[in-house]
Amino acid sequence: MWPFVSDPGRCSGDSDRPRRPEWITIGTVTAPHGVEGEVRVYPHTDRPERFASLRRVYLGASGRGTDPRQVESASVAPQRIVLKLSGVDGRDSAEALRGRDLLVPGDEAWPLPAGHYYHFQLVGLTVRDLAGRLRGQVSRVYPGPANDFYAVETALGRPETLIPAVRHVIKQVDLEHGLMVVDWPQEYEPPEQAGKGDPRAR
C-alpha cells in the first residue's frame, strides 16, 4: 500500500498542476469510545503516528475546517486511534461528532518521503498507459483497507475507472509534468475496445 493521504483538493487556473489546498483532511470520526467523550478516528493517512503529537484539529466537512478543538489526549495503536477533543465531555456529545472530518491547515501538512503523495497532488494528473495512450485524468482518490483506488475520468458519458494504487499498476507519478503512467489492464477496456487497443492520443 502506498501511503497516499489527505483530502483530494484540486486547483484550477493557468496550470493544472496541483497546489497545496487550504485544508487537509487527516481523519474522520467513526464512533464514540467509552463514556468520557473520546472518539474513534479513521485515519486518512498511513502515518497514524501524527495523531500522537497532534495538539489542535478542526472539525469540518466538505474539505473545510470550521470548528477548532484542542486535542486533550490521543491513543494511537494498530487499527485504532482514539482522541479526546476539547468540549466533548460525554458519550452523547461524542456521538454527535460521528461522521465529522478532522482537518488541519494545509501549511501544517507533514512532508512525505520520496514516492509518497498527498491526494491533492494526484487529483488532476493526466493518465497514460505504457504505450503512451491517453486514458483520462485522475478525478479523485478512494481510500481502501488494503490500498487506495484512483478514479480515472475517461471519455464523456463513460463511468469512471478505478485503478488500484499498487506499484505493479502505477508505474510512474511525475508531478512536475502532471503525469501518471499506468499499466492499464485489459479488463478495464470498454467492451467495444477490448482486444482492439485505443488509437494513440495526439
C-alpha atoms as a PDB file:
ATOM      1  CA  MET A   1       0.000   0.000   0.000  1.00  0.00           C
ATOM      2  CA  TRP A   2       1.283   3.434  -0.871  1.00  0.00           C
ATOM      3  CA  PRO A   3       0.702   5.968   1.890  1.00  0.00           C
ATOM      4  CA  PHE A   4      -1.345   8.497  -0.055  1.00  0.00           C
ATOM      5  CA  VAL A   5      -3.113  10.788   2.368  1.00  0.00           C
ATOM      6  CA  SER A   6      -5.467  13.707   2.801  1.00  0.00           C
ATOM      7  CA  ASP A   7      -8.461  15.240   1.138  1.00  0.00           C
ATOM      8  CA  PRO A   8      -8.337  15.296  -2.688  1.00  0.00           C
ATOM      9  CA  GLY A   9      -8.102  19.047  -3.263  1.00  0.00           C
ATOM     10  CA  ARG A  10      -7.917  20.316  -6.828  1.00  0.00           C
ATOM     11  CA  CYS A  11      -6.684  23.565  -8.318  1.00  0.00           C
ATOM     12  CA  SER A  12      -7.601  25.479 -11.429  1.00  0.00           C
ATOM     13  CA  GLY A  13      -6.165  28.411 -13.310  1.00  0.00           C
ATOM     14  CA  ASP A  14      -3.399  28.771 -15.839  1.00  0.00           C
ATOM     15  CA  SER A  15      -1.922  25.416 -14.802  1.00  0.00           C
ATOM     16  CA  ASP A  16      -3.408  22.034 -13.945  1.00  0.00           C
ATOM     17  CA  ARG A  17      -0.530  21.231 -11.632  1.00  0.00           C
ATOM     18  CA  PRO A  18      -1.586  20.602  -8.042  1.00  0.00           C
ATOM     19  CA  ARG A  19      -1.155  23.120  -5.289  1.00  0.00           C
ATOM     20  CA  ARG A  20      -1.401  22.718  -1.559  1.00  0.00           C
ATOM     21  CA  PRO A  21      -5.051  23.122  -0.500  1.00  0.00           C
ATOM     22  CA  GLU A  22      -6.147  25.386   2.307  1.00  0.00           C
ATOM     23  CA  TRP A  23      -7.243  22.380   4.387  1.00  0.00           C
ATOM     24  CA  ILE A  24      -6.126  18.755   4.612  1.00  0.00           C
ATOM     25  CA  THR A  25      -8.369  16.034   5.966  1.00  0.00           C
ATOM     26  CA  ILE A  26      -6.398  13.708   8.226  1.00  0.00           C
ATOM     27  CA  GLY A  27      -9.216  11.569   9.610  1.00  0.00           C
ATOM     28  CA  THR A  28     -12.935  11.017  10.167  1.00  0.00           C
ATOM     29  CA  VAL A  29     -14.735  10.397  13.448  1.00  0.00           C
ATOM     30  CA  THR A  30     -16.353   6.965  13.256  1.00  0.00           C
ATOM     31  CA  ALA A  31     -17.895   6.411  16.709  1.00  0.00           C
ATOM     32  CA  PRO A  32     -17.786   7.305  20.408  1.00  0.00           C
ATOM     33  CA  HIS A  33     -15.293   5.448  22.572  1.00  0.00           C
ATOM     34  CA  GLY A  34     -16.394   4.845  26.148  1.00  0.00           C
ATOM     35  CA  VAL A  35     -18.460   7.348  28.100  1.00  0.00           C
ATOM     36  CA  GLU A  36     -15.965  10.179  28.750  1.00  0.00           C
ATOM     37  CA  GLY A  37     -16.257  11.912  25.383  1.00  0.00           C
ATOM     38  CA  GLU A  38     -13.482  10.160  23.486  1.00  0.00           C
ATOM     39  CA  VAL A  39     -13.976   9.357  19.808  1.00  0.00           C
ATOM     40  CA  ARG A  40     -12.603   6.738  17.460  1.00  0.00           C
ATOM     41  CA  VAL A  41     -10.996   8.042  14.299  1.00  0.00           C
ATOM     42  CA  TYR A  42     -10.454   6.500  10.867  1.00  0.00           C
ATOM     43  CA  PRO A  43      -7.155   7.958   9.603  1.00  0.00           C
ATOM     44  CA  HIS A  44      -6.749   9.349   6.097  1.00  0.00           C
ATOM     45  CA  THR A  45      -3.029   8.755   6.370  1.00  0.00           C
ATOM     46  CA  ASP A  46      -0.682   5.803   6.574  1.00  0.00           C
ATOM     47  CA  ARG A  47       1.296   7.735   9.193  1.00  0.00           C
ATOM     48  CA  PRO A  48      -1.059   7.480  12.184  1.00  0.00           C
ATOM     49  CA  GLU A  49       1.788   8.487  14.486  1.00  0.00           C
ATOM     50  CA  ARG A  50       0.995  12.085  13.570  1.00  0.00           C
ATOM     51  CA  PHE A  51      -2.079  11.831  15.817  1.00  0.00           C
ATOM     52  CA  ALA A  52       0.120  11.169  18.853  1.00  0.00           C
ATOM     53  CA  SER A  53       1.677  14.638  18.555  1.00  0.00           C
ATOM     54  CA  LEU A  54      -1.450  16.433  17.373  1.00  0.00           C
ATOM     55  CA  ARG A  55      -2.273  19.451  19.538  1.00  0.00           C
ATOM     56  CA  ARG A  56      -5.093  21.081  17.594  1.00  0.00           C
ATOM     57  CA  VAL A  57      -7.513  19.898  14.945  1.00  0.00           C
ATOM     58  CA  TYR A  58     -10.507  21.372  13.148  1.00  0.00           C
ATOM     59  CA  LEU A  59     -13.875  19.687  12.844  1.00  0.00           C
ATOM     60  CA  GLY A  60     -15.405  20.192   9.423  1.00  0.00           C
ATOM     61  CA  ALA A  61     -16.878  18.729   6.276  1.00  0.00           C
ATOM     62  CA  SER A  62     -16.556  19.063   2.515  1.00  0.00           C
ATOM     63  CA  GLY A  63     -12.844  19.765   2.800  1.00  0.00           C
ATOM     64  CA  ARG A  64     -13.070  22.793   5.099  1.00  0.00           C
ATOM     65  CA  GLY A  65     -12.336  23.110   8.805  1.00  0.00           C
ATOM     66  CA  THR A  66     -14.755  25.271  10.782  1.00  0.00           C
ATOM     67  CA  ASP A  67     -14.561  24.279  14.452  1.00  0.00           C
ATOM     68  CA  PRO A  68     -11.127  24.309  16.157  1.00  0.00           C
ATOM     69  CA  ARG A  69     -10.619  21.863  19.029  1.00  0.00           C
ATOM     70  CA  GLN A  70      -7.678  21.170  21.281  1.00  0.00           C
ATOM     71  CA  VAL A  71      -6.548  17.544  21.387  1.00  0.00           C
ATOM     72  CA  GLU A  72      -6.537  16.753  25.089  1.00  0.00           C
ATOM     73  CA  SER A  73      -5.303  13.180  24.691  1.00  0.00           C
ATOM     74  CA  ALA A  74      -4.516  10.713  21.924  1.00  0.00           C
ATOM     75  CA  SER A  75      -4.170   6.950  21.919  1.00  0.00           C
ATOM     76  CA  VAL A  76      -2.595   5.531  18.784  1.00  0.00           C
ATOM     77  CA  ALA A  77      -2.448   1.767  18.283  1.00  0.00           C
ATOM     78  CA  PRO A  78      -2.583  -0.561  15.276  1.00  0.00           C
ATOM     79  CA  GLN A  79      -6.085  -0.459  13.796  1.00  0.00           C
ATOM     80  CA  ARG A  80      -7.302   2.080  16.367  1.00  0.00           C
ATOM     81  CA  ILE A  81      -6.954   5.800  17.034  1.00  0.00           C
ATOM     82  CA  VAL A  82      -8.808   7.367  19.954  1.00  0.00           C
ATOM     83  CA  LEU A  83      -8.879  11.123  20.594  1.00  0.00           C
ATOM     84  CA  LYS A  84     -10.253  13.283  23.364  1.00  0.00           C
ATOM     85  CA  LEU A  85     -11.213  16.698  21.971  1.00  0.00           C
ATOM     86  CA  SER A  86     -11.960  19.812  23.964  1.00  0.00           C
ATOM     87  CA  GLY A  87     -15.630  20.497  24.537  1.00  0.00           C
ATOM     88  CA  VAL A  88     -16.593  16.831  24.124  1.00  0.00           C
ATOM     89  CA  ASP A  89     -17.260  15.547  27.618  1.00  0.00           C
ATOM     90  CA  GLY A  90     -19.734  12.693  27.321  1.00  0.00           C
ATOM     91  CA  ARG A  91     -20.907   9.915  25.061  1.00  0.00           C
ATOM     92  CA  ASP A  92     -23.806  11.943  23.655  1.00  0.00           C
ATOM     93  CA  SER A  93     -21.582  14.823  22.576  1.00  0.00           C
ATOM     94  CA  ALA A  94     -19.097  12.315  21.124  1.00  0.00           C
ATOM     95  CA  GLU A  95     -21.922  10.608  19.227  1.00  0.00           C
ATOM     96  CA  ALA A  96     -22.839  13.960  17.684  1.00  0.00           C
ATOM     97  CA  LEU A  97     -19.412  14.034  16.013  1.00  0.00           C
ATOM     98  CA  ARG A  98     -19.902  10.736  14.182  1.00  0.00           C
ATOM     99  CA  GLY A  99     -19.017  11.248  10.518  1.00  0.00           C
ATOM    100  CA  ARG A 100     -17.305  14.620  11.039  1.00  0.00           C
ATOM    101  CA  ASP A 101     -13.957  15.105   9.354  1.00  0.00           C
ATOM    102  CA  LEU A 102     -10.794  16.141  11.199  1.00  0.00           C
ATOM    103  CA  LEU A 103      -8.730  18.698   9.303  1.00  0.00           C
ATOM    104  CA  VAL A 104      -5.532  20.686   9.672  1.00  0.00           C
ATOM    105  CA  PRO A 105      -4.424  23.779   7.729  1.00  0.00           C
ATOM    106  CA  GLY A 106      -2.585  22.942   4.539  1.00  0.00           C
ATOM    107  CA  ASP A 107       0.628  24.537   5.765  1.00  0.00           C
ATOM    108  CA  GLU A 108       0.718  22.007   8.626  1.00  0.00           C
ATOM    109  CA  ALA A 109       0.953  19.039   6.269  1.00  0.00           C
ATOM    110  CA  TRP A 110       3.766  16.671   7.135  1.00  0.00           C
ATOM    111  CA  PRO A 111       6.470  16.279   4.489  1.00  0.00           C
ATOM    112  CA  LEU A 112       6.339  12.867   2.861  1.00  0.00           C
ATOM    113  CA  PRO A 113       9.201  10.595   1.807  1.00  0.00           C
ATOM    114  CA  ALA A 114      10.044  10.100  -1.858  1.00  0.00           C
ATOM    115  CA  GLY A 115       7.404   8.129  -3.748  1.00  0.00           C
ATOM    116  CA  HIS A 116       4.611   9.104  -1.345  1.00  0.00           C
ATOM    117  CA  TYR A 117       1.951  11.661  -2.242  1.00  0.00           C
ATOM    118  CA  TYR A 118      -0.975  13.579  -0.849  1.00  0.00           C
ATOM    119  CA  HIS A 119      -4.278  13.085  -2.614  1.00  0.00           C
ATOM    120  CA  PHE A 120      -4.363  16.715  -3.707  1.00  0.00           C
ATOM    121  CA  GLN A 121      -1.107  16.139  -5.591  1.00  0.00           C
ATOM    122  CA  LEU A 122      -2.641  13.282  -7.577  1.00  0.00           C
ATOM    123  CA  VAL A 123      -6.033  14.708  -8.483  1.00  0.00           C
ATOM    124  CA  GLY A 124      -5.866  16.296 -11.936  1.00  0.00           C
ATOM    125  CA  LEU A 125      -2.924  14.225 -13.207  1.00  0.00           C
ATOM    126  CA  THR A 126      -3.147  13.082 -16.825  1.00  0.00           C
ATOM    127  CA  VAL A 127      -3.182   9.272 -17.047  1.00  0.00           C
ATOM    128  CA  ARG A 128      -1.423   7.436 -19.863  1.00  0.00           C
ATOM    129  CA  ASP A 129      -0.734   3.747 -20.357  1.00  0.00           C
ATOM    130  CA  LEU A 130       2.658   2.143 -21.009  1.00  0.00           C
ATOM    131  CA  ALA A 131       2.271   2.731 -24.753  1.00  0.00           C
ATOM    132  CA  GLY A 132       1.656   6.441 -24.225  1.00  0.00           C
ATOM    133  CA  ARG A 133      -2.072   6.323 -24.968  1.00  0.00           C
ATOM    134  CA  LEU A 134      -4.193   8.876 -23.169  1.00  0.00           C
ATOM    135  CA  ARG A 135      -6.502   7.164 -20.670  1.00  0.00           C
ATOM    136  CA  GLY A 136      -8.018  10.117 -18.838  1.00  0.00           C
ATOM    137  CA  GLN A 137      -7.466  12.181 -15.719  1.00  0.00           C
ATOM    138  CA  VAL A 138      -7.422  11.352 -12.005  1.00  0.00           C
ATOM    139  CA  SER A 139     -10.643  12.811 -10.616  1.00  0.00           C
ATOM    140  CA  ARG A 140     -10.462  11.645  -7.006  1.00  0.00           C
ATOM    141  CA  VAL A 141      -8.926   9.102  -4.646  1.00  0.00           C
ATOM    142  CA  TYR A 142     -10.941   6.492  -2.760  1.00  0.00           C
ATOM    143  CA  PRO A 143      -9.245   5.208   0.414  1.00  0.00           C
ATOM    144  CA  GLY A 144      -9.432   1.436   0.918  1.00  0.00           C
ATOM    145  CA  PRO A 145      -8.490  -1.015   3.667  1.00  0.00           C
ATOM    146  CA  ALA A 146      -5.691  -2.647   1.652  1.00  0.00           C
ATOM    147  CA  ASN A 147      -4.870   0.077  -0.886  1.00  0.00           C
ATOM    148  CA  ASP A 148      -6.357   3.242  -2.313  1.00  0.00           C
ATOM    149  CA  PHE A 149      -8.089   3.433  -5.684  1.00  0.00           C
ATOM    150  CA  TYR A 150      -7.716   6.227  -8.219  1.00  0.00           C
ATOM    151  CA  ALA A 151     -10.841   7.250 -10.099  1.00  0.00           C
ATOM    152  CA  VAL A 152      -9.898   7.987 -13.709  1.00  0.00           C
ATOM    153  CA  GLU A 153     -12.345  10.009 -15.790  1.00  0.00           C
ATOM    154  CA  THR A 154     -12.247   8.797 -19.369  1.00  0.00           C
ATOM    155  CA  ALA A 155     -14.402   9.762 -22.339  1.00  0.00           C
ATOM    156  CA  LEU A 156     -17.599  11.723 -21.725  1.00  0.00           C
ATOM    157  CA  GLY A 157     -20.536   9.512 -20.889  1.00  0.00           C
ATOM    158  CA  ARG A 158     -18.444   6.633 -19.592  1.00  0.00           C
ATOM    159  CA  PRO A 159     -18.267   5.741 -15.909  1.00  0.00           C
ATOM    160  CA  GLU A 160     -15.032   6.399 -14.071  1.00  0.00           C
ATOM    161  CA  THR A 161     -12.461   3.630 -13.990  1.00  0.00           C
ATOM    162  CA  LEU A 162     -11.000   2.663 -10.602  1.00  0.00           C
ATOM    163  CA  ILE A 163      -7.280   1.922 -10.709  1.00  0.00           C
ATOM    164  CA  PRO A 164      -5.668   0.242  -7.667  1.00  0.00           C
ATOM    165  CA  ALA A 165      -2.859   2.259  -6.101  1.00  0.00           C
ATOM    166  CA  VAL A 166      -0.297  -0.549  -6.131  1.00  0.00           C
ATOM    167  CA  ARG A 167       3.203  -0.491  -7.537  1.00  0.00           C
ATOM    168  CA  HIS A 168       2.709  -3.112 -10.238  1.00  0.00           C
ATOM    169  CA  VAL A 169      -0.085  -0.970 -11.749  1.00  0.00           C
ATOM    170  CA  ILE A 170       1.094   2.603 -11.060  1.00  0.00           C
ATOM    171  CA  LYS A 171       4.410   2.774 -12.875  1.00  0.00           C
ATOM    172  CA  GLN A 172       5.223   6.476 -12.666  1.00  0.00           C
ATOM    173  CA  VAL A 173       3.990   9.632 -10.967  1.00  0.00           C
ATOM    174  CA  ASP A 174       5.503  12.778 -12.454  1.00  0.00           C
ATOM    175  CA  LEU A 175       4.171  15.791 -10.565  1.00  0.00           C
ATOM    176  CA  GLU A 176       6.338  18.252 -12.464  1.00  0.00           C
ATOM    177  CA  HIS A 177       4.736  17.288 -15.772  1.00  0.00           C
ATOM    178  CA  GLY A 178       1.294  16.401 -14.360  1.00  0.00           C
ATOM    179  CA  LEU A 179       1.513  12.781 -15.485  1.00  0.00           C
ATOM    180  CA  MET A 180       0.685   9.320 -14.146  1.00  0.00           C
ATOM    181  CA  VAL A 181       1.731   6.244 -16.131  1.00  0.00           C
ATOM    182  CA  VAL A 182      -0.388   3.140 -15.553  1.00  0.00           C
ATOM    183  CA  ASP A 183      -0.054  -0.470 -16.645  1.00  0.00           C
ATOM    184  CA  TRP A 184      -3.653  -0.402 -17.914  1.00  0.00           C
ATOM    185  CA  PRO A 185      -5.169  -3.888 -17.571  1.00  0.00           C
ATOM    186  CA  GLN A 186      -7.123  -5.338 -20.475  1.00  0.00           C
ATOM    187  CA  GLU A 187     -10.169  -5.917 -18.295  1.00  0.00           C
ATOM    188  CA  TYR A 188     -10.504  -2.146 -17.842  1.00  0.00           C
ATOM    189  CA  GLU A 189     -11.196  -1.664 -21.534  1.00  0.00           C
ATOM    190  CA  PRO A 190     -14.794  -0.824 -22.501  1.00  0.00           C
ATOM    191  CA  PRO A 191     -16.456  -3.710 -24.393  1.00  0.00           C
ATOM    192  CA  GLU A 192     -16.145  -2.034 -27.793  1.00  0.00           C
ATOM    193  CA  GLN A 193     -12.392  -1.528 -27.286  1.00  0.00           C
ATOM    194  CA  ALA A 194     -11.415  -4.764 -25.571  1.00  0.00           C
ATOM    195  CA  GLY A 195      -8.890  -6.585 -27.700  1.00  0.00           C
ATOM    196  CA  LYS A 196      -8.536  -3.690 -30.135  1.00  0.00           C
ATOM    197  CA  GLY A 197      -6.485  -1.070 -28.317  1.00  0.00           C
ATOM    198  CA  ASP A 198      -7.193   2.645 -28.409  1.00  0.00           C
ATOM    199  CA  PRO A 199      -5.650   4.903 -31.040  1.00  0.00           C
ATOM    200  CA  ARG A 200      -2.686   6.883 -29.806  1.00  0.00           C
ATOM    201  CA  ALA A 201      -3.741  10.233 -28.402  1.00  0.00           C
ATOM    202  CA  ARG A 202      -2.490  13.198 -30.379  1.00  0.00           C
END
